[in-house]
């Protein structure tokens, strides 16, 4: 059994200007927002949610990218509202947010 119920990786990779990457979408700032939101909701620790930074996840064309384990669900997002929806629906209620899924 996993220590965390959900382990969420935010790609925050930053490449040189003009090259597609999650960093160009303020991914580090959005990851920090998600981490703080998880703390605020008291979802951290054993059996809870862990938010981590990841280097390039290799899906730059779909960016910005989040992957949620152990289900291996890949999401993209535009803003904090999308991340709020992922937190509320997936991480709190176990429902996948279909509209933000990366399926290719």
N, C-alpha and C. Protein backbone atom coordinates (compact mmCIF):
# COMPACT_ATOMS: atom_id res chain seq x y z
N UNK A 1 0.84 -1.18 0.00
CA UNK A 1 0.00 0.00 0.00
C UNK A 1 0.88 1.24 0.00
N UNK A 2 0.46 2.25 -0.71
CA UNK A 2 1.20 3.50 -0.83
C UNK A 2 1.08 4.33 0.45
N UNK A 3 2.12 5.06 0.77
CA UNK A 3 2.10 5.96 1.93
C UNK A 3 1.07 7.08 1.73
N UNK A 4 1.03 7.61 0.51
CA UNK A 4 0.07 8.66 0.18
C UNK A 4 -1.08 8.07 -0.62
N UNK A 5 -2.26 8.61 -0.43
CA UNK A 5 -3.39 8.20 -1.25
C UNK A 5 -3.18 8.69 -2.68
N UNK A 6 -2.71 9.95 -2.80
CA UNK A 6 -2.42 10.54 -4.11
C UNK A 6 -1.06 11.22 -4.05
N UNK A 7 -0.27 10.98 -5.07
CA UNK A 7 1.02 11.63 -5.23
C UNK A 7 0.95 12.39 -6.55
N UNK A 8 1.02 13.72 -6.48
CA UNK A 8 0.79 14.58 -7.63
C UNK A 8 2.10 15.24 -8.05
N UNK A 9 2.45 15.06 -9.31
CA UNK A 9 3.68 15.64 -9.85
C UNK A 9 3.33 16.74 -10.85
N UNK A 10 3.85 17.93 -10.59
CA UNK A 10 3.70 19.07 -11.48
C UNK A 10 4.99 19.24 -12.26
N UNK A 11 4.93 19.15 -13.57
CA UNK A 11 6.11 19.47 -14.37
C UNK A 11 6.33 20.97 -14.27
N UNK A 12 7.53 21.35 -13.88
CA UNK A 12 7.90 22.78 -13.80
C UNK A 12 9.12 23.06 -14.66
N UNK A 13 9.40 22.16 -15.58
CA UNK A 13 10.59 22.29 -16.41
C UNK A 13 10.61 23.60 -17.18
N UNK A 14 11.76 24.23 -17.18
CA UNK A 14 11.95 25.50 -17.90
C UNK A 14 13.02 25.30 -18.97
N UNK A 15 12.68 25.57 -20.20
CA UNK A 15 13.63 25.47 -21.32
C UNK A 15 13.97 26.86 -21.81
N UNK A 16 14.88 26.92 -22.77
CA UNK A 16 15.26 28.22 -23.32
C UNK A 16 14.07 28.87 -24.02
N UNK A 17 14.08 30.19 -24.11
CA UNK A 17 12.96 30.91 -24.74
C UNK A 17 12.63 30.36 -26.13
N UNK A 18 11.34 30.24 -26.40
CA UNK A 18 10.89 29.77 -27.70
C UNK A 18 10.68 28.27 -27.79
N UNK A 19 11.12 27.52 -26.77
CA UNK A 19 10.96 26.07 -26.77
C UNK A 19 9.83 25.72 -25.81
N UNK A 20 8.86 24.93 -26.28
CA UNK A 20 7.70 24.59 -25.46
C UNK A 20 8.11 23.90 -24.17
N UNK A 21 7.51 24.35 -23.07
CA UNK A 21 7.78 23.74 -21.76
C UNK A 21 6.69 24.16 -20.78
N UNK A 22 6.52 23.37 -19.73
CA UNK A 22 5.50 23.69 -18.72
C UNK A 22 5.85 24.96 -17.96
N UNK A 23 7.13 25.25 -17.80
CA UNK A 23 7.56 26.44 -17.08
C UNK A 23 7.02 27.73 -17.68
N UNK A 24 6.79 27.76 -18.98
CA UNK A 24 6.29 28.98 -19.61
C UNK A 24 4.83 29.26 -19.25
N UNK A 25 4.17 28.33 -18.57
CA UNK A 25 2.79 28.50 -18.13
C UNK A 25 2.70 28.78 -16.62
N UNK A 26 3.77 29.30 -16.04
CA UNK A 26 3.81 29.57 -14.60
C UNK A 26 3.57 28.32 -13.77
N UNK A 27 4.10 27.20 -14.21
CA UNK A 27 3.87 25.92 -13.55
C UNK A 27 4.38 25.91 -12.11
N UNK A 28 5.53 26.53 -11.84
CA UNK A 28 6.06 26.53 -10.48
C UNK A 28 5.12 27.30 -9.54
N UNK A 29 4.58 28.40 -10.00
CA UNK A 29 3.64 29.19 -9.19
C UNK A 29 2.34 28.41 -8.95
N UNK A 30 1.83 27.74 -9.96
CA UNK A 30 0.61 26.95 -9.83
C UNK A 30 0.85 25.75 -8.90
N UNK A 31 2.01 25.13 -8.99
CA UNK A 31 2.35 24.02 -8.09
C UNK A 31 2.36 24.50 -6.65
N UNK A 32 2.96 25.65 -6.41
CA UNK A 32 3.01 26.21 -5.07
C UNK A 32 1.59 26.50 -4.57
N UNK A 33 0.74 27.02 -5.44
CA UNK A 33 -0.65 27.26 -5.10
C UNK A 33 -1.32 25.95 -4.68
N UNK A 34 -1.14 24.88 -5.47
CA UNK A 34 -1.75 23.58 -5.16
C UNK A 34 -1.23 23.04 -3.83
N UNK A 35 0.05 23.17 -3.60
CA UNK A 35 0.64 22.69 -2.36
C UNK A 35 0.03 23.41 -1.16
N UNK A 36 -0.11 24.72 -1.25
CA UNK A 36 -0.71 25.50 -0.17
C UNK A 36 -2.19 25.15 0.02
N UNK A 37 -2.89 24.91 -1.07
CA UNK A 37 -4.31 24.56 -1.00
C UNK A 37 -4.48 23.20 -0.30
N UNK A 38 -3.63 22.25 -0.61
CA UNK A 38 -3.69 20.93 0.02
C UNK A 38 -3.43 21.06 1.52
N UNK A 39 -2.47 21.90 1.90
CA UNK A 39 -2.22 22.15 3.33
C UNK A 39 -3.42 22.80 3.99
N UNK A 40 -3.98 23.80 3.34
CA UNK A 40 -5.15 24.52 3.86
C UNK A 40 -6.33 23.57 4.09
N UNK A 41 -6.49 22.60 3.20
CA UNK A 41 -7.58 21.63 3.31
C UNK A 41 -7.24 20.47 4.25
N UNK A 42 -6.04 20.51 4.81
CA UNK A 42 -5.55 19.47 5.74
C UNK A 42 -5.58 18.08 5.11
N UNK A 43 -5.09 18.01 3.88
CA UNK A 43 -5.03 16.75 3.14
C UNK A 43 -3.63 16.16 3.07
N UNK A 44 -2.68 16.74 3.81
CA UNK A 44 -1.28 16.29 3.74
C UNK A 44 -1.03 15.11 4.67
N UNK A 45 0.14 14.50 4.50
CA UNK A 45 0.58 13.43 5.39
C UNK A 45 0.14 12.05 4.95
N UNK A 46 0.44 11.08 5.80
CA UNK A 46 0.15 9.68 5.50
C UNK A 46 -1.34 9.50 5.17
N UNK A 47 -1.59 8.79 4.05
CA UNK A 47 -2.96 8.57 3.61
C UNK A 47 -3.58 9.76 2.91
N UNK A 48 -2.80 10.81 2.74
CA UNK A 48 -3.31 12.04 2.13
C UNK A 48 -2.71 12.30 0.77
N UNK A 49 -2.42 13.56 0.52
CA UNK A 49 -1.95 14.02 -0.79
C UNK A 49 -0.56 14.61 -0.66
N UNK A 50 0.30 14.29 -1.58
CA UNK A 50 1.64 14.87 -1.66
C UNK A 50 1.76 15.57 -3.01
N UNK A 51 2.15 16.85 -2.98
CA UNK A 51 2.38 17.63 -4.20
C UNK A 51 3.89 17.76 -4.39
N UNK A 52 4.38 17.35 -5.56
CA UNK A 52 5.81 17.41 -5.85
C UNK A 52 6.10 18.10 -7.17
N UNK A 53 7.31 18.61 -7.26
CA UNK A 53 7.84 19.15 -8.50
C UNK A 53 8.45 18.01 -9.30
N UNK A 54 8.28 18.07 -10.60
CA UNK A 54 8.92 17.12 -11.50
C UNK A 54 9.65 17.89 -12.57
N UNK A 55 10.72 17.31 -13.05
CA UNK A 55 11.37 17.84 -14.23
C UNK A 55 10.49 17.50 -15.43
N UNK A 56 11.04 17.54 -16.58
CA UNK A 56 10.27 17.28 -17.79
C UNK A 56 9.61 15.90 -17.74
N UNK A 57 8.31 15.87 -17.98
CA UNK A 57 7.56 14.62 -18.02
C UNK A 57 7.38 14.12 -19.45
N UNK A 58 7.98 14.84 -20.41
CA UNK A 58 7.99 14.38 -21.79
C UNK A 58 6.70 14.59 -22.56
N UNK A 59 5.82 15.45 -22.06
CA UNK A 59 4.55 15.68 -22.75
C UNK A 59 4.35 17.17 -22.98
N UNK A 60 5.42 17.84 -23.39
CA UNK A 60 5.43 19.30 -23.55
C UNK A 60 4.31 19.80 -24.45
N UNK A 61 3.97 19.05 -25.47
CA UNK A 61 2.94 19.48 -26.41
C UNK A 61 1.57 19.55 -25.76
N UNK A 62 1.40 18.90 -24.60
CA UNK A 62 0.13 18.89 -23.88
C UNK A 62 0.15 19.81 -22.67
N UNK A 63 1.25 20.50 -22.47
CA UNK A 63 1.50 21.26 -21.25
C UNK A 63 0.58 22.42 -21.01
N UNK A 64 0.54 22.86 -19.79
CA UNK A 64 1.27 22.35 -18.64
C UNK A 64 0.68 21.01 -18.18
N UNK A 65 1.53 20.21 -17.53
CA UNK A 65 1.19 18.82 -17.25
C UNK A 65 1.29 18.50 -15.76
N UNK A 66 0.29 17.74 -15.29
CA UNK A 66 0.26 17.15 -13.95
C UNK A 66 -0.01 15.66 -14.13
N UNK A 67 0.64 14.82 -13.33
CA UNK A 67 0.29 13.40 -13.31
C UNK A 67 -0.01 13.02 -11.87
N UNK A 68 -1.11 12.26 -11.68
CA UNK A 68 -1.56 11.83 -10.36
C UNK A 68 -1.36 10.33 -10.24
N UNK A 69 -0.60 9.94 -9.23
CA UNK A 69 -0.39 8.52 -8.93
C UNK A 69 -1.12 8.18 -7.65
N UNK A 70 -1.55 6.95 -7.46
CA UNK A 70 -1.13 5.76 -8.19
C UNK A 70 -1.93 5.47 -9.46
N UNK A 71 -2.97 6.25 -9.77
CA UNK A 71 -3.80 5.96 -10.94
C UNK A 71 -3.14 6.28 -12.27
N UNK A 72 -2.06 7.03 -12.26
CA UNK A 72 -1.38 7.43 -13.49
C UNK A 72 -2.30 8.24 -14.40
N UNK A 73 -3.00 9.20 -13.79
CA UNK A 73 -3.92 10.07 -14.53
C UNK A 73 -3.17 11.35 -14.90
N UNK A 74 -3.19 11.67 -16.18
CA UNK A 74 -2.49 12.85 -16.70
C UNK A 74 -3.49 13.96 -16.97
N UNK A 75 -3.16 15.15 -16.44
CA UNK A 75 -4.00 16.33 -16.63
C UNK A 75 -3.19 17.47 -17.22
N UNK A 76 -3.91 18.36 -17.88
CA UNK A 76 -3.41 19.67 -18.21
C UNK A 76 -4.30 20.68 -17.50
N UNK A 77 -3.88 21.92 -17.47
CA UNK A 77 -4.66 22.96 -16.79
C UNK A 77 -4.34 24.30 -17.40
N UNK A 78 -5.22 25.26 -17.17
CA UNK A 78 -5.01 26.62 -17.65
C UNK A 78 -4.70 27.56 -16.49
N UNK A 79 -5.42 27.39 -15.40
CA UNK A 79 -5.32 28.35 -14.30
C UNK A 79 -5.62 27.69 -12.95
N UNK A 80 -5.67 28.51 -11.91
CA UNK A 80 -5.93 28.01 -10.55
C UNK A 80 -7.30 27.35 -10.44
N UNK A 81 -8.27 27.84 -11.18
CA UNK A 81 -9.61 27.25 -11.13
C UNK A 81 -9.59 25.80 -11.61
N UNK A 82 -8.78 25.51 -12.64
CA UNK A 82 -8.64 24.13 -13.11
C UNK A 82 -8.00 23.27 -12.03
N UNK A 83 -6.98 23.79 -11.37
CA UNK A 83 -6.30 23.05 -10.30
C UNK A 83 -7.25 22.85 -9.12
N UNK A 84 -8.05 23.87 -8.80
CA UNK A 84 -9.06 23.72 -7.75
C UNK A 84 -10.03 22.58 -8.08
N UNK A 85 -10.41 22.49 -9.35
CA UNK A 85 -11.33 21.42 -9.77
C UNK A 85 -10.67 20.05 -9.64
N UNK A 86 -9.41 19.94 -10.00
CA UNK A 86 -8.69 18.67 -9.84
C UNK A 86 -8.61 18.29 -8.37
N UNK A 87 -8.31 19.26 -7.52
CA UNK A 87 -8.23 19.00 -6.08
C UNK A 87 -9.59 18.56 -5.55
N UNK A 88 -10.62 19.32 -5.87
CA UNK A 88 -11.96 19.02 -5.36
C UNK A 88 -12.49 17.69 -5.88
N UNK A 89 -12.45 17.53 -7.18
CA UNK A 89 -13.05 16.34 -7.79
C UNK A 89 -12.19 15.09 -7.62
N UNK A 90 -10.95 15.16 -8.03
CA UNK A 90 -10.10 13.95 -8.02
C UNK A 90 -9.52 13.67 -6.64
N UNK A 91 -8.84 14.65 -6.07
CA UNK A 91 -8.10 14.38 -4.84
C UNK A 91 -8.98 14.30 -3.59
N UNK A 92 -10.12 14.96 -3.61
CA UNK A 92 -11.01 14.87 -2.46
C UNK A 92 -12.15 13.87 -2.66
N UNK A 93 -12.62 13.72 -3.88
CA UNK A 93 -13.79 12.89 -4.12
C UNK A 93 -13.56 11.69 -5.04
N UNK A 94 -12.33 11.52 -5.54
CA UNK A 94 -12.00 10.34 -6.33
C UNK A 94 -12.61 10.30 -7.72
N UNK A 95 -13.06 11.46 -8.22
CA UNK A 95 -13.66 11.52 -9.56
C UNK A 95 -12.70 12.19 -10.53
N UNK A 96 -12.44 11.53 -11.63
CA UNK A 96 -11.53 12.07 -12.64
C UNK A 96 -12.19 13.25 -13.34
N UNK A 97 -11.42 14.29 -13.59
CA UNK A 97 -11.90 15.49 -14.28
C UNK A 97 -11.67 15.28 -15.78
N UNK A 98 -12.67 14.76 -16.42
CA UNK A 98 -12.58 14.35 -17.83
C UNK A 98 -12.12 15.48 -18.75
N UNK A 99 -12.63 16.69 -18.53
CA UNK A 99 -12.34 17.80 -19.45
C UNK A 99 -10.88 18.22 -19.42
N UNK A 100 -10.13 17.87 -18.37
CA UNK A 100 -8.72 18.24 -18.28
C UNK A 100 -7.78 17.07 -18.54
N UNK A 101 -8.30 15.91 -18.86
CA UNK A 101 -7.48 14.73 -19.12
C UNK A 101 -6.62 14.87 -20.37
N UNK A 102 -5.43 14.35 -20.29
CA UNK A 102 -4.57 14.19 -21.45
C UNK A 102 -4.72 12.72 -21.84
N UNK A 103 -5.23 12.46 -23.00
CA UNK A 103 -5.54 11.07 -23.39
C UNK A 103 -4.66 10.52 -24.50
N UNK A 104 -3.83 11.34 -25.10
CA UNK A 104 -3.01 10.84 -26.21
C UNK A 104 -1.64 10.44 -25.74
